[in-house]
Amino acid sequence: MSTDLTMADLPDLSTPPIQTGQHQQHTPAGKPLAAWNTPKFREEYENARARLQHGDFSCSALPDPLAPRPAIATHSRFDPQTEERLKGVLRAAKESARGA
């Protein structure tokens, strides 16, 4: 059986489709996509931005949550002052154990 006869209805894929400058993007329903960069959209965007509680918020000012952090900051159970006080208590306990 010849493949030319069985696949005669398929388009030739060896040649690229003809490009025209009039191509518009469409939704799956066939409607053209809405233009978002219009004066009405920009006005609605600015109104919504003005209603925000923290309008000056910028996520770029925050540190990267996926960046590695120092181990002492993430795994330390005590603050440095408490840790020094506990080390002092341990030293005193060791000295008293040696003296007894």
N, C-alpha and C. Protein backbone atom coordinates (compact mmCIF):
# COMPACT_ATOMS: atom_id res chain seq x y z
N MET A 1 0.85 -1.18 0.00
CA MET A 1 0.00 0.00 0.00
C MET A 1 0.89 1.23 0.00
N SER A 2 0.55 2.19 -0.78
CA SER A 2 1.35 3.39 -0.92
C SER A 2 0.91 4.43 0.11
N THR A 3 1.89 5.08 0.74
CA THR A 3 1.55 6.13 1.71
C THR A 3 1.04 7.37 1.01
N ASP A 4 1.36 7.53 -0.25
CA ASP A 4 0.85 8.68 -1.00
C ASP A 4 -0.66 8.60 -1.15
N LEU A 5 -1.17 7.40 -1.30
CA LEU A 5 -2.61 7.24 -1.47
C LEU A 5 -3.36 7.36 -0.14
N THR A 6 -2.77 6.87 0.94
CA THR A 6 -3.47 6.90 2.22
C THR A 6 -3.43 8.26 2.88
N MET A 7 -2.42 9.06 2.60
CA MET A 7 -2.29 10.36 3.24
C MET A 7 -2.38 11.50 2.24
N ALA A 8 -3.17 11.31 1.23
CA ALA A 8 -3.28 12.32 0.19
C ALA A 8 -4.00 13.57 0.68
N ASP A 9 -4.86 13.43 1.70
CA ASP A 9 -5.62 14.59 2.17
C ASP A 9 -4.85 15.45 3.16
N LEU A 10 -3.69 15.02 3.64
CA LEU A 10 -2.90 15.80 4.59
C LEU A 10 -2.14 16.90 3.86
N PRO A 11 -1.98 18.08 4.48
CA PRO A 11 -1.21 19.14 3.83
C PRO A 11 0.27 18.79 3.79
N ASP A 12 0.96 19.37 2.87
CA ASP A 12 2.39 19.15 2.72
C ASP A 12 3.11 19.91 3.83
N LEU A 13 3.77 19.20 4.74
CA LEU A 13 4.44 19.83 5.88
C LEU A 13 5.86 20.26 5.57
N SER A 14 6.36 19.94 4.39
CA SER A 14 7.73 20.31 4.06
C SER A 14 7.85 21.79 3.73
N THR A 15 6.78 22.44 3.33
CA THR A 15 6.83 23.87 3.03
C THR A 15 6.14 24.63 4.16
N PRO A 16 6.75 25.72 4.63
CA PRO A 16 6.13 26.49 5.71
C PRO A 16 4.87 27.20 5.23
N PRO A 17 3.93 27.46 6.14
CA PRO A 17 2.71 28.17 5.72
C PRO A 17 3.03 29.60 5.31
N ILE A 18 2.19 30.15 4.49
CA ILE A 18 2.37 31.52 4.00
C ILE A 18 2.04 32.48 5.13
N GLN A 19 2.94 33.41 5.40
CA GLN A 19 2.74 34.39 6.47
C GLN A 19 2.14 35.65 5.88
N THR A 20 1.02 36.06 6.43
CA THR A 20 0.42 37.33 6.02
C THR A 20 0.45 38.25 7.22
N GLY A 21 0.48 39.52 7.00
CA GLY A 21 0.52 40.49 8.09
C GLY A 21 -0.83 40.73 8.72
N GLN A 22 -1.87 40.03 8.29
CA GLN A 22 -3.21 40.28 8.78
C GLN A 22 -3.66 39.25 9.80
N HIS A 23 -2.77 38.47 10.36
CA HIS A 23 -3.14 37.42 11.31
C HIS A 23 -3.49 38.05 12.66
N GLN A 24 -4.63 37.67 13.21
CA GLN A 24 -5.04 38.12 14.54
C GLN A 24 -5.16 36.92 15.45
N GLN A 25 -4.82 37.12 16.71
CA GLN A 25 -4.98 36.04 17.67
C GLN A 25 -6.44 35.94 18.08
N HIS A 26 -6.90 34.71 18.29
CA HIS A 26 -8.28 34.49 18.66
C HIS A 26 -8.33 33.59 19.89
N THR A 27 -9.42 33.68 20.62
CA THR A 27 -9.67 32.78 21.74
C THR A 27 -10.13 31.45 21.18
N PRO A 28 -10.19 30.39 22.02
CA PRO A 28 -10.69 29.10 21.51
C PRO A 28 -12.11 29.19 20.95
N ALA A 29 -12.90 30.14 21.42
CA ALA A 29 -14.27 30.29 20.91
C ALA A 29 -14.30 31.00 19.56
N GLY A 30 -13.17 31.50 19.10
CA GLY A 30 -13.10 32.15 17.81
C GLY A 30 -13.20 33.66 17.87
N LYS A 31 -13.42 34.21 19.06
CA LYS A 31 -13.50 35.67 19.20
C LYS A 31 -12.10 36.25 19.26
N PRO A 32 -11.88 37.44 18.71
CA PRO A 32 -10.56 38.05 18.82
C PRO A 32 -10.27 38.44 20.27
N LEU A 33 -9.01 38.39 20.65
CA LEU A 33 -8.62 38.75 22.01
C LEU A 33 -8.84 40.24 22.24
N ALA A 34 -9.20 40.58 23.48
CA ALA A 34 -9.44 41.98 23.83
C ALA A 34 -8.10 42.71 23.95
N ALA A 35 -8.08 43.94 23.51
CA ALA A 35 -6.87 44.76 23.64
C ALA A 35 -6.81 45.28 25.07
N TRP A 36 -5.71 45.07 25.75
CA TRP A 36 -5.60 45.49 27.15
C TRP A 36 -4.93 46.84 27.28
N ASN A 37 -4.23 47.29 26.28
CA ASN A 37 -3.51 48.55 26.39
C ASN A 37 -4.34 49.68 25.79
N THR A 38 -5.47 49.95 26.41
CA THR A 38 -6.37 51.00 25.95
C THR A 38 -6.47 52.06 27.04
N PRO A 39 -6.92 53.26 26.71
CA PRO A 39 -7.08 54.30 27.74
C PRO A 39 -8.03 53.87 28.86
N LYS A 40 -9.10 53.15 28.52
CA LYS A 40 -10.05 52.69 29.54
C LYS A 40 -9.37 51.71 30.49
N PHE A 41 -8.61 50.76 29.95
CA PHE A 41 -7.91 49.80 30.80
C PHE A 41 -6.91 50.51 31.71
N ARG A 42 -6.13 51.44 31.15
CA ARG A 42 -5.14 52.15 31.97
C ARG A 42 -5.81 52.94 33.08
N GLU A 43 -6.98 53.55 32.79
CA GLU A 43 -7.70 54.31 33.81
C GLU A 43 -8.21 53.39 34.91
N GLU A 44 -8.77 52.24 34.54
CA GLU A 44 -9.25 51.28 35.53
C GLU A 44 -8.09 50.74 36.36
N TYR A 45 -6.96 50.51 35.73
CA TYR A 45 -5.78 50.02 36.44
C TYR A 45 -5.31 51.05 37.46
N GLU A 46 -5.24 52.30 37.08
CA GLU A 46 -4.80 53.36 38.00
C GLU A 46 -5.80 53.53 39.14
N ASN A 47 -7.11 53.42 38.86
CA ASN A 47 -8.11 53.51 39.93
C ASN A 47 -7.96 52.36 40.92
N ALA A 48 -7.74 51.16 40.43
CA ALA A 48 -7.55 50.01 41.32
C ALA A 48 -6.27 50.16 42.12
N ARG A 49 -5.22 50.66 41.49
CA ARG A 49 -3.94 50.86 42.19
C ARG A 49 -4.08 51.92 43.28
N ALA A 50 -4.89 52.95 43.04
CA ALA A 50 -5.08 54.02 44.02
C ALA A 50 -5.87 53.52 45.23
N ARG A 51 -6.69 52.49 45.05
CA ARG A 51 -7.48 51.97 46.16
C ARG A 51 -6.70 51.00 47.04
N LEU A 52 -5.52 50.60 46.63
CA LEU A 52 -4.73 49.68 47.43
C LEU A 52 -4.35 50.32 48.76
N GLN A 53 -4.31 49.49 49.80
CA GLN A 53 -3.97 50.01 51.12
C GLN A 53 -2.51 50.44 51.17
N HIS A 54 -1.65 49.67 50.56
CA HIS A 54 -0.22 50.00 50.53
C HIS A 54 0.17 50.24 49.07
N GLY A 55 -0.15 51.40 48.58
CA GLY A 55 0.11 51.72 47.18
C GLY A 55 1.58 51.80 46.83
N ASP A 56 2.44 52.04 47.83
CA ASP A 56 3.87 52.15 47.55
C ASP A 56 4.58 50.81 47.72
N PHE A 57 3.83 49.71 47.91
CA PHE A 57 4.44 48.39 48.08
C PHE A 57 5.14 47.96 46.80
N SER A 58 6.33 47.42 46.98
CA SER A 58 7.08 46.89 45.85
C SER A 58 7.72 45.58 46.28
N CYS A 59 7.39 44.50 45.60
CA CYS A 59 7.96 43.21 45.98
C CYS A 59 9.45 43.15 45.67
N SER A 60 9.94 44.04 44.83
CA SER A 60 11.37 44.04 44.52
C SER A 60 12.20 44.53 45.71
N ALA A 61 11.57 45.18 46.69
CA ALA A 61 12.30 45.64 47.87
C ALA A 61 12.51 44.51 48.88
N LEU A 62 11.81 43.39 48.72
CA LEU A 62 11.92 42.27 49.65
C LEU A 62 13.05 41.34 49.19
N PRO A 63 13.66 40.60 50.13
CA PRO A 63 14.70 39.66 49.72
C PRO A 63 14.09 38.48 48.97
N ASP A 64 14.92 37.82 48.21
CA ASP A 64 14.48 36.66 47.44
C ASP A 64 14.18 35.51 48.41
N PRO A 65 12.95 34.97 48.44
CA PRO A 65 12.64 33.91 49.39
C PRO A 65 13.33 32.59 49.06
N LEU A 66 13.82 32.42 47.85
CA LEU A 66 14.49 31.18 47.47
C LEU A 66 16.00 31.26 47.60
N ALA A 67 16.52 32.42 47.94
CA ALA A 67 17.96 32.56 48.10
C ALA A 67 18.41 31.86 49.38
N PRO A 68 19.61 31.27 49.38
CA PRO A 68 20.10 30.62 50.60
C PRO A 68 20.30 31.63 51.72
N ARG A 69 19.98 31.21 52.91
CA ARG A 69 20.12 32.08 54.07
C ARG A 69 21.20 31.53 54.98
N PRO A 70 21.80 32.40 55.80
CA PRO A 70 22.81 31.90 56.73
C PRO A 70 22.20 30.90 57.71
N ALA A 71 22.94 29.85 58.03
CA ALA A 71 22.43 28.79 58.90
C ALA A 71 22.13 29.31 60.30
N ILE A 72 22.93 30.25 60.80
CA ILE A 72 22.72 30.75 62.16
C ILE A 72 21.38 31.46 62.28
N ALA A 73 20.95 32.11 61.23
CA ALA A 73 19.68 32.85 61.27
C ALA A 73 18.49 31.91 61.19
N THR A 74 18.64 30.77 60.53
CA THR A 74 17.49 29.90 60.35
C THR A 74 17.43 28.77 61.37
N HIS A 75 18.57 28.36 61.95
CA HIS A 75 18.56 27.20 62.83
C HIS A 75 18.91 27.52 64.28
N SER A 76 19.13 28.75 64.60
CA SER A 76 19.47 29.11 65.97
C SER A 76 18.20 29.15 66.81
N ARG A 77 18.24 28.50 67.97
CA ARG A 77 17.06 28.48 68.83
C ARG A 77 17.05 29.66 69.79
N PHE A 78 18.21 30.25 70.04
CA PHE A 78 18.30 31.33 71.01
C PHE A 78 18.93 32.56 70.36
N ASP A 79 18.63 33.71 70.94
CA ASP A 79 19.31 34.91 70.47
C ASP A 79 20.72 34.92 71.05
N PRO A 80 21.65 35.71 70.53
CA PRO A 80 23.05 35.67 70.96
C PRO A 80 23.26 35.94 72.45
N GLN A 81 22.48 36.83 73.05
CA GLN A 81 22.65 37.12 74.48
C GLN A 81 22.29 35.90 75.33
N THR A 82 21.21 35.22 75.00
CA THR A 82 20.80 34.03 75.75
C THR A 82 21.82 32.92 75.57
N GLU A 83 22.35 32.79 74.37
CA GLU A 83 23.35 31.75 74.12
C GLU A 83 24.61 31.99 74.94
N GLU A 84 25.07 33.25 75.03
CA GLU A 84 26.25 33.57 75.85
C GLU A 84 25.98 33.28 77.33
N ARG A 85 24.78 33.60 77.79
CA ARG A 85 24.45 33.35 79.19
C ARG A 85 24.45 31.85 79.47
N LEU A 86 23.92 31.04 78.55
CA LEU A 86 23.91 29.59 78.74
C LEU A 86 25.33 29.01 78.70
N LYS A 87 26.19 29.55 77.84
CA LYS A 87 27.59 29.10 77.82
C LYS A 87 28.27 29.41 79.15
N GLY A 88 27.96 30.57 79.72
CA GLY A 88 28.51 30.93 81.03
C GLY A 88 28.04 29.98 82.12
N VAL A 89 26.78 29.60 82.08
CA VAL A 89 26.24 28.64 83.06
C VAL A 89 26.93 27.29 82.91
N LEU A 90 27.15 26.85 81.67
CA LEU A 90 27.83 25.57 81.44
C LEU A 90 29.28 25.61 81.92
N ARG A 91 29.98 26.74 81.67
CA ARG A 91 31.36 26.86 82.16
C ARG A 91 31.40 26.80 83.68
N ALA A 92 30.47 27.50 84.33
CA ALA A 92 30.43 27.49 85.80
C ALA A 92 30.13 26.10 86.32
N ALA A 93 29.26 25.36 85.65
CA ALA A 93 28.92 24.00 86.08
C ALA A 93 30.12 23.08 85.92
N LYS A 94 30.89 23.22 84.82
CA LYS A 94 32.07 22.39 84.62
C LYS A 94 33.14 22.70 85.66
N GLU A 95 33.33 23.98 85.97
CA GLU A 95 34.33 24.36 86.97
C GLU A 95 33.95 23.85 88.35
N SER A 96 32.68 23.90 88.68
CA SER A 96 32.26 23.40 90.00
C SER A 96 32.36 21.89 90.06
N ALA A 97 32.18 21.19 88.93
CA ALA A 97 32.30 19.73 88.91
C ALA A 97 33.76 19.32 89.06
N ARG A 98 34.70 20.10 88.54
CA ARG A 98 36.12 19.79 88.67
C ARG A 98 36.59 20.03 90.11
N GLY A 99 36.05 21.05 90.73
CA GLY A 99 36.48 21.40 92.07
C GLY A 99 35.90 20.48 93.13
N ALA A 100 34.85 19.75 92.85
CA ALA A 100 34.21 18.92 93.88
C ALA A 100 34.80 17.56 93.99
